[in-house]
Amino acid sequence: MDNFEYKVVVYDTKGFGGGVIESNQLENQLNALGRDGWEMVSCTSTNQNYGASKSVVFIFKRKKNG
């Protein structure tokens, strides 16, 4: 049976009211995690007010070595 380890990454949005995502920065961070063997299994935003998101929460997993 495979064993996994998990990583939670919280990406804070920008802007006065939140909700602005710097897509190039986020893409670079996600690609770096992928190169390290992490696979995203879930992603959700956190609501602040009036539909704006204060942050986005990503959950990753990868097989444990050994």
PDB file of N, CA and C in Angstrom:
ATOM      1  N   MET A   1       0.839  -1.180   0.000  1.00  0.00           N
ATOM      2  CA  MET A   1       0.000   0.000   0.000  1.00  0.00           C
ATOM      3  C   MET A   1       0.886   1.245   0.000  1.00  0.00           C
ATOM      4  N   ASP A   2       0.521   2.226  -0.819  1.00  0.00           N
ATOM      5  CA  ASP A   2       1.290   3.463  -0.903  1.00  0.00           C
ATOM      6  C   ASP A   2       1.044   4.350   0.315  1.00  0.00           C
ATOM      7  N   ASN A   3       2.092   5.045   0.738  1.00  0.00           N
ATOM      8  CA  ASN A   3       1.985   6.046   1.793  1.00  0.00           C
ATOM      9  C   ASN A   3       2.205   7.418   1.178  1.00  0.00           C
ATOM     10  N   PHE A   4       1.466   8.408   1.647  1.00  0.00           N
ATOM     11  CA  PHE A   4       1.547   9.754   1.098  1.00  0.00           C
ATOM     12  C   PHE A   4       1.874  10.755   2.190  1.00  0.00           C
ATOM     13  N   GLU A   5       2.465  11.859   1.766  1.00  0.00           N
ATOM     14  CA  GLU A   5       2.621  13.017   2.635  1.00  0.00           C
ATOM     15  C   GLU A   5       1.862  14.162   1.981  1.00  0.00           C
ATOM     16  N   TYR A   6       1.448  15.120   2.793  1.00  0.00           N
ATOM     17  CA  TYR A   6       0.606  16.205   2.310  1.00  0.00           C
ATOM     18  C   TYR A   6       1.225  17.552   2.633  1.00  0.00           C
ATOM     19  N   LYS A   7       0.899  18.536   1.800  1.00  0.00           N
ATOM     20  CA  LYS A   7       1.381  19.901   1.994  1.00  0.00           C
ATOM     21  C   LYS A   7       0.208  20.837   1.755  1.00  0.00           C
ATOM     22  N   VAL A   8       0.035  21.818   2.647  1.00  0.00           N
ATOM     23  CA  VAL A   8      -0.987  22.844   2.499  1.00  0.00           C
ATOM     24  C   VAL A   8      -0.279  24.163   2.206  1.00  0.00           C
ATOM     25  N   VAL A   9      -0.686  24.805   1.115  1.00  0.00           N
ATOM     26  CA  VAL A   9      -0.110  26.090   0.725  1.00  0.00           C
ATOM     27  C   VAL A   9      -1.236  27.112   0.695  1.00  0.00           C
ATOM     28  N   VAL A  10      -1.053  28.217   1.426  1.00  0.00           N
ATOM     29  CA  VAL A  10      -2.025  29.302   1.433  1.00  0.00           C
ATOM     30  C   VAL A  10      -1.449  30.446   0.611  1.00  0.00           C
ATOM     31  N   TYR A  11      -2.135  30.806  -0.471  1.00  0.00           N
ATOM     32  CA  TYR A  11      -1.703  31.875  -1.364  1.00  0.00           C
ATOM     33  C   TYR A  11      -2.579  33.091  -1.087  1.00  0.00           C
ATOM     34  N   ASP A  12      -2.001  34.137  -0.521  1.00  0.00           N
ATOM     35  CA  ASP A  12      -2.755  35.350  -0.211  1.00  0.00           C
ATOM     36  C   ASP A  12      -2.971  36.181  -1.470  1.00  0.00           C
ATOM     37  N   THR A  13      -4.183  36.666  -1.646  1.00  0.00           N
ATOM     38  CA  THR A  13      -4.488  37.504  -2.792  1.00  0.00           C
ATOM     39  C   THR A  13      -4.050  38.937  -2.508  1.00  0.00           C
ATOM     40  N   LYS A  14      -4.007  39.740  -3.545  1.00  0.00           N
ATOM     41  CA  LYS A  14      -3.567  41.129  -3.434  1.00  0.00           C
ATOM     42  C   LYS A  14      -4.758  42.063  -3.638  1.00  0.00           C
ATOM     43  N   GLY A  15      -4.506  43.332  -3.558  1.00  0.00           N
ATOM     44  CA  GLY A  15      -5.534  44.331  -3.812  1.00  0.00           C
ATOM     45  C   GLY A  15      -6.147  44.848  -2.533  1.00  0.00           C
ATOM     46  N   PHE A  16      -6.712  46.042  -2.607  1.00  0.00           N
ATOM     47  CA  PHE A  16      -7.303  46.683  -1.429  1.00  0.00           C
ATOM     48  C   PHE A  16      -8.384  45.817  -0.800  1.00  0.00           C
ATOM     49  N   GLY A  17      -9.261  45.263  -1.628  1.00  0.00           N
ATOM     50  CA  GLY A  17     -10.325  44.413  -1.115  1.00  0.00           C
ATOM     51  C   GLY A  17     -10.029  42.934  -1.258  1.00  0.00           C
ATOM     52  N   GLY A  18      -8.819  42.618  -1.689  1.00  0.00           N
ATOM     53  CA  GLY A  18      -8.477  41.211  -1.916  1.00  0.00           C
ATOM     54  C   GLY A  18      -9.014  40.732  -3.248  1.00  0.00           C
ATOM     55  N   GLY A  19      -8.749  39.499  -3.566  1.00  0.00           N
ATOM     56  CA  GLY A  19      -9.297  38.898  -4.770  1.00  0.00           C
ATOM     57  C   GLY A  19      -8.431  38.994  -6.005  1.00  0.00           C
ATOM     58  N   VAL A  20      -7.311  39.743  -5.952  1.00  0.00           N
ATOM     59  CA  VAL A  20      -6.451  39.878  -7.120  1.00  0.00           C
ATOM     60  C   VAL A  20      -5.333  38.838  -7.022  1.00  0.00           C
ATOM     61  N   ILE A  21      -5.220  38.011  -8.044  1.00  0.00           N
ATOM     62  CA  ILE A  21      -4.208  36.954  -8.072  1.00  0.00           C
ATOM     63  C   ILE A  21      -3.162  37.298  -9.122  1.00  0.00           C
ATOM     64  N   GLU A  22      -1.906  37.263  -8.736  1.00  0.00           N
ATOM     65  CA  GLU A  22      -0.812  37.454  -9.679  1.00  0.00           C
ATOM     66  C   GLU A  22      -0.543  36.100 -10.322  1.00  0.00           C
ATOM     67  N   SER A  23      -1.156  35.870 -11.486  1.00  0.00           N
ATOM     68  CA  SER A  23      -1.164  34.534 -12.083  1.00  0.00           C
ATOM     69  C   SER A  23       0.232  34.027 -12.433  1.00  0.00           C
ATOM     70  N   ASN A  24       1.132  34.886 -12.891  1.00  0.00           N
ATOM     71  CA  ASN A  24       2.486  34.414 -13.218  1.00  0.00           C
ATOM     72  C   ASN A  24       3.214  33.920 -11.978  1.00  0.00           C
ATOM     73  N   GLN A  25       3.081  34.645 -10.879  1.00  0.00           N
ATOM     74  CA  GLN A  25       3.722  34.253  -9.624  1.00  0.00           C
ATOM     75  C   GLN A  25       3.132  32.927  -9.128  1.00  0.00           C
ATOM     76  N   LEU A  26       1.817  32.799  -9.179  1.00  0.00           N
ATOM     77  CA  LEU A  26       1.154  31.576  -8.738  1.00  0.00           C
ATOM     78  C   LEU A  26       1.563  30.396  -9.619  1.00  0.00           C
ATOM     79  N   GLU A  27       1.579  30.611 -10.929  1.00  0.00           N
ATOM     80  CA  GLU A  27       1.967  29.540 -11.855  1.00  0.00           C
ATOM     81  C   GLU A  27       3.396  29.068 -11.590  1.00  0.00           C
ATOM     82  N   ASN A  28       4.297  29.997 -11.337  1.00  0.00           N
ATOM     83  CA  ASN A  28       5.685  29.626 -11.038  1.00  0.00           C
ATOM     84  C   ASN A  28       5.774  28.796  -9.764  1.00  0.00           C
ATOM     85  N   GLN A  29       5.007  29.182  -8.738  1.00  0.00           N
ATOM     86  CA  GLN A  29       5.026  28.447  -7.478  1.00  0.00           C
ATOM     87  C   GLN A  29       4.442  27.044  -7.665  1.00  0.00           C
ATOM     88  N   LEU A  30       3.345  26.930  -8.421  1.00  0.00           N
ATOM     89  CA  LEU A  30       2.732  25.624  -8.658  1.00  0.00           C
ATOM     90  C   LEU A  30       3.659  24.725  -9.475  1.00  0.00           C
ATOM     91  N   ASN A  31       4.323  25.285 -10.478  1.00  0.00           N
ATOM     92  CA  ASN A  31       5.259  24.496 -11.283  1.00  0.00           C
ATOM     93  C   ASN A  31       6.445  24.013 -10.457  1.00  0.00           C
ATOM     94  N   ALA A  32       6.933  24.844  -9.541  1.00  0.00           N
ATOM     95  CA  ALA A  32       8.041  24.438  -8.670  1.00  0.00           C
ATOM     96  C   ALA A  32       7.621  23.261  -7.789  1.00  0.00           C
ATOM     97  N   LEU A  33       6.415  23.306  -7.251  1.00  0.00           N
ATOM     98  CA  LEU A  33       5.923  22.200  -6.432  1.00  0.00           C
ATOM     99  C   LEU A  33       5.768  20.936  -7.276  1.00  0.00           C
ATOM    100  N   GLY A  34       5.278  21.070  -8.505  1.00  0.00           N
ATOM    101  CA  GLY A  34       5.139  19.927  -9.394  1.00  0.00           C
ATOM    102  C   GLY A  34       6.483  19.282  -9.708  1.00  0.00           C
ATOM    103  N   ARG A  35       7.513  20.101  -9.911  1.00  0.00           N
ATOM    104  CA  ARG A  35       8.848  19.558 -10.168  1.00  0.00           C
ATOM    105  C   ARG A  35       9.374  18.786  -8.969  1.00  0.00           C
ATOM    106  N   ASP A  36       8.925  19.153  -7.774  1.00  0.00           N
ATOM    107  CA  ASP A  36       9.344  18.456  -6.559  1.00  0.00           C
ATOM    108  C   ASP A  36       8.478  17.234  -6.261  1.00  0.00           C
ATOM    109  N   GLY A  37       7.577  16.899  -7.183  1.00  0.00           N
ATOM    110  CA  GLY A  37       6.783  15.688  -7.038  1.00  0.00           C
ATOM    111  C   GLY A  37       5.430  15.880  -6.373  1.00  0.00           C
ATOM    112  N   TRP A  38       5.048  17.123  -6.068  1.00  0.00           N
ATOM    113  CA  TRP A  38       3.761  17.386  -5.430  1.00  0.00           C
ATOM    114  C   TRP A  38       2.649  17.448  -6.475  1.00  0.00           C
ATOM    115  N   GLU A  39       1.534  16.798  -6.180  1.00  0.00           N
ATOM    116  CA  GLU A  39       0.357  16.809  -7.037  1.00  0.00           C
ATOM    117  C   GLU A  39      -0.776  17.507  -6.293  1.00  0.00           C
ATOM    118  N   MET A  40      -1.391  18.530  -6.920  1.00  0.00           N
ATOM    119  CA  MET A  40      -2.502  19.228  -6.274  1.00  0.00           C
ATOM    120  C   MET A  40      -3.736  18.324  -6.280  1.00  0.00           C
ATOM    121  N   VAL A  41      -4.350  18.180  -5.108  1.00  0.00           N
ATOM    122  CA  VAL A  41      -5.543  17.348  -5.000  1.00  0.00           C
ATOM    123  C   VAL A  41      -6.784  18.156  -4.652  1.00  0.00           C
ATOM    124  N   SER A  42      -6.583  19.402  -4.190  1.00  0.00           N
ATOM    125  CA  SER A  42      -7.721  20.238  -3.832  1.00  0.00           C
ATOM    126  C   SER A  42      -7.310  21.701  -3.822  1.00  0.00           C
ATOM    127  N   CYS A  43      -8.273  22.553  -4.119  1.00  0.00           N
ATOM    128  CA  CYS A  43      -8.038  23.991  -4.106  1.00  0.00           C
ATOM    129  C   CYS A  43      -9.357  24.675  -3.760  1.00  0.00           C
ATOM    130  N   THR A  44      -9.314  25.644  -2.853  1.00  0.00           N
ATOM    131  CA  THR A  44     -10.524  26.386  -2.490  1.00  0.00           C
ATOM    132  C   THR A  44     -10.148  27.807  -2.112  1.00  0.00           C
ATOM    133  N   SER A  45     -11.064  28.725  -2.303  1.00  0.00           N
ATOM    134  CA  SER A  45     -10.819  30.108  -1.905  1.00  0.00           C
ATOM    135  C   SER A  45     -11.502  30.377  -0.570  1.00  0.00           C
ATOM    136  N   THR A  46     -10.971  31.360   0.138  1.00  0.00           N
ATOM    137  CA  THR A  46     -11.585  31.769   1.400  1.00  0.00           C
ATOM    138  C   THR A  46     -12.321  33.081   1.160  1.00  0.00           C
ATOM    139  N   ASN A  47     -13.574  33.120   1.506  1.00  0.00           N
ATOM    140  CA  ASN A  47     -14.368  34.320   1.280  1.00  0.00           C
ATOM    141  C   ASN A  47     -14.069  35.372   2.326  1.00  0.00           C
ATOM    142  N   GLN A  48     -13.953  36.611   1.849  1.00  0.00           N
ATOM    143  CA  GLN A  48     -13.726  37.732   2.750  1.00  0.00           C
ATOM    144  C   GLN A  48     -15.030  38.505   2.899  1.00  0.00           C
ATOM    145  N   ASN A  49     -15.435  39.216   1.868  1.00  0.00           N
ATOM    146  CA  ASN A  49     -16.718  39.909   1.862  1.00  0.00           C
ATOM    147  C   ASN A  49     -17.080  40.272   0.433  1.00  0.00           C
ATOM    148  N   TYR A  50     -18.346  40.374   0.158  1.00  0.00           N
ATOM    149  CA  TYR A  50     -18.855  40.735  -1.158  1.00  0.00           C
ATOM    150  C   TYR A  50     -18.252  39.872  -2.267  1.00  0.00           C
ATOM    151  N   GLY A  51     -17.967  38.627  -1.974  1.00  0.00           N
ATOM    152  CA  GLY A  51     -17.464  37.691  -2.967  1.00  0.00           C
ATOM    153  C   GLY A  51     -15.964  37.714  -3.195  1.00  0.00           C
ATOM    154  N   ALA A  52     -15.234  38.634  -2.565  1.00  0.00           N
ATOM    155  CA  ALA A  52     -13.778  38.690  -2.713  1.00  0.00           C
ATOM    156  C   ALA A  52     -13.135  37.572  -1.902  1.00  0.00           C
ATOM    157  N   SER A  53     -12.009  37.100  -2.357  1.00  0.00           N
ATOM    158  CA  SER A  53     -11.272  36.037  -1.665  1.00  0.00           C
ATOM    159  C   SER A  53     -10.010  36.610  -1.047  1.00  0.00           C
ATOM    160  N   LYS A  54      -9.832  36.361   0.225  1.00  0.00           N
ATOM    161  CA  LYS A  54      -8.626  36.816   0.913  1.00  0.00           C
ATOM    162  C   LYS A  54      -7.436  35.944   0.563  1.00  0.00           C
ATOM    163  N   SER A  55      -7.680  34.656   0.363  1.00  0.00           N
ATOM    164  CA  SER A  55      -6.600  33.732   0.032  1.00  0.00           C
ATOM    165  C   SER A  55      -7.165  32.513  -0.682  1.00  0.00           C
ATOM    166  N   VAL A  56      -6.248  31.753  -1.275  1.00  0.00           N
ATOM    167  CA  VAL A  56      -6.593  30.497  -1.925  1.00  0.00           C
ATOM    168  C   VAL A  56      -5.775  29.413  -1.232  1.00  0.00           C
ATOM    169  N   VAL A  57      -6.433  28.331  -0.847  1.00  0.00           N
ATOM    170  CA  VAL A  57      -5.780  27.243  -0.131  1.00  0.00           C
ATOM    171  C   VAL A  57      -5.634  26.052  -1.079  1.00  0.00           C
ATOM    172  N   PHE A  58      -4.390  25.603  -1.257  1.00  0.00           N
ATOM    173  CA  PHE A  58      -4.080  24.469  -2.112  1.00  0.00           C
ATOM    174  C   PHE A  58      -3.625  23.310  -1.239  1.00  0.00           C
ATOM    175  N   ILE A  59      -4.080  22.101  -1.548  1.00  0.00           N
ATOM    176  CA  ILE A  59      -3.611  20.909  -0.850  1.00  0.00           C
ATOM    177  C   ILE A  59      -2.939  20.000  -1.880  1.00  0.00           C
ATOM    178  N   PHE A  60      -1.732  19.579  -1.552  1.00  0.00           N
ATOM    179  CA  PHE A  60      -0.910  18.739  -2.428  1.00  0.00           C
ATOM    180  C   PHE A  60      -0.599  17.424  -1.724  1.00  0.00           C
ATOM    181  N   LYS A  61      -0.294  16.406  -2.531  1.00  0.00           N
ATOM    182  CA  LYS A  61       0.181  15.136  -1.957  1.00  0.00           C
ATOM    183  C   LYS A  61       1.283  14.596  -2.858  1.00  0.00           C
ATOM    184  N   ARG A  62       2.115  13.745  -2.284  1.00  0.00           N
ATOM    185  CA  ARG A  62       3.111  12.988  -3.036  1.00  0.00           C
ATOM    186  C   ARG A  62       3.425  11.723  -2.261  1.00  0.00           C
ATOM    187  N   LYS A  63       3.894  10.715  -3.001  1.00  0.00           N
ATOM    188  CA  LYS A  63       4.242   9.456  -2.361  1.00  0.00           C
ATOM    189  C   LYS A  63       5.446   9.667  -1.453  1.00  0.00           C
ATOM    190  N   LYS A  64       5.366   9.034  -0.289  1.00  0.00           N
ATOM    191  CA  LYS A  64       6.494   9.065   0.643  1.00  0.00           C
ATOM    192  C   LYS A  64       7.561   8.105   0.152  1.00  0.00           C
ATOM    193  N   ASN A  65       8.799   8.518   0.286  1.00  0.00           N
ATOM    194  CA  ASN A  65       9.918   7.632  -0.044  1.00  0.00           C
ATOM    195  C   ASN A  65      10.192   6.717   1.147  1.00  0.00           C
ATOM    196  N   GLY A  66      10.278   5.444   0.851  1.00  0.00           N
ATOM    197  CA  GLY A  66      10.635   4.490   1.903  1.00  0.00           C
ATOM    198  C   GLY A  66       9.528   3.920   2.573  1.00  0.00           C
TER     199      GLY A  66
END
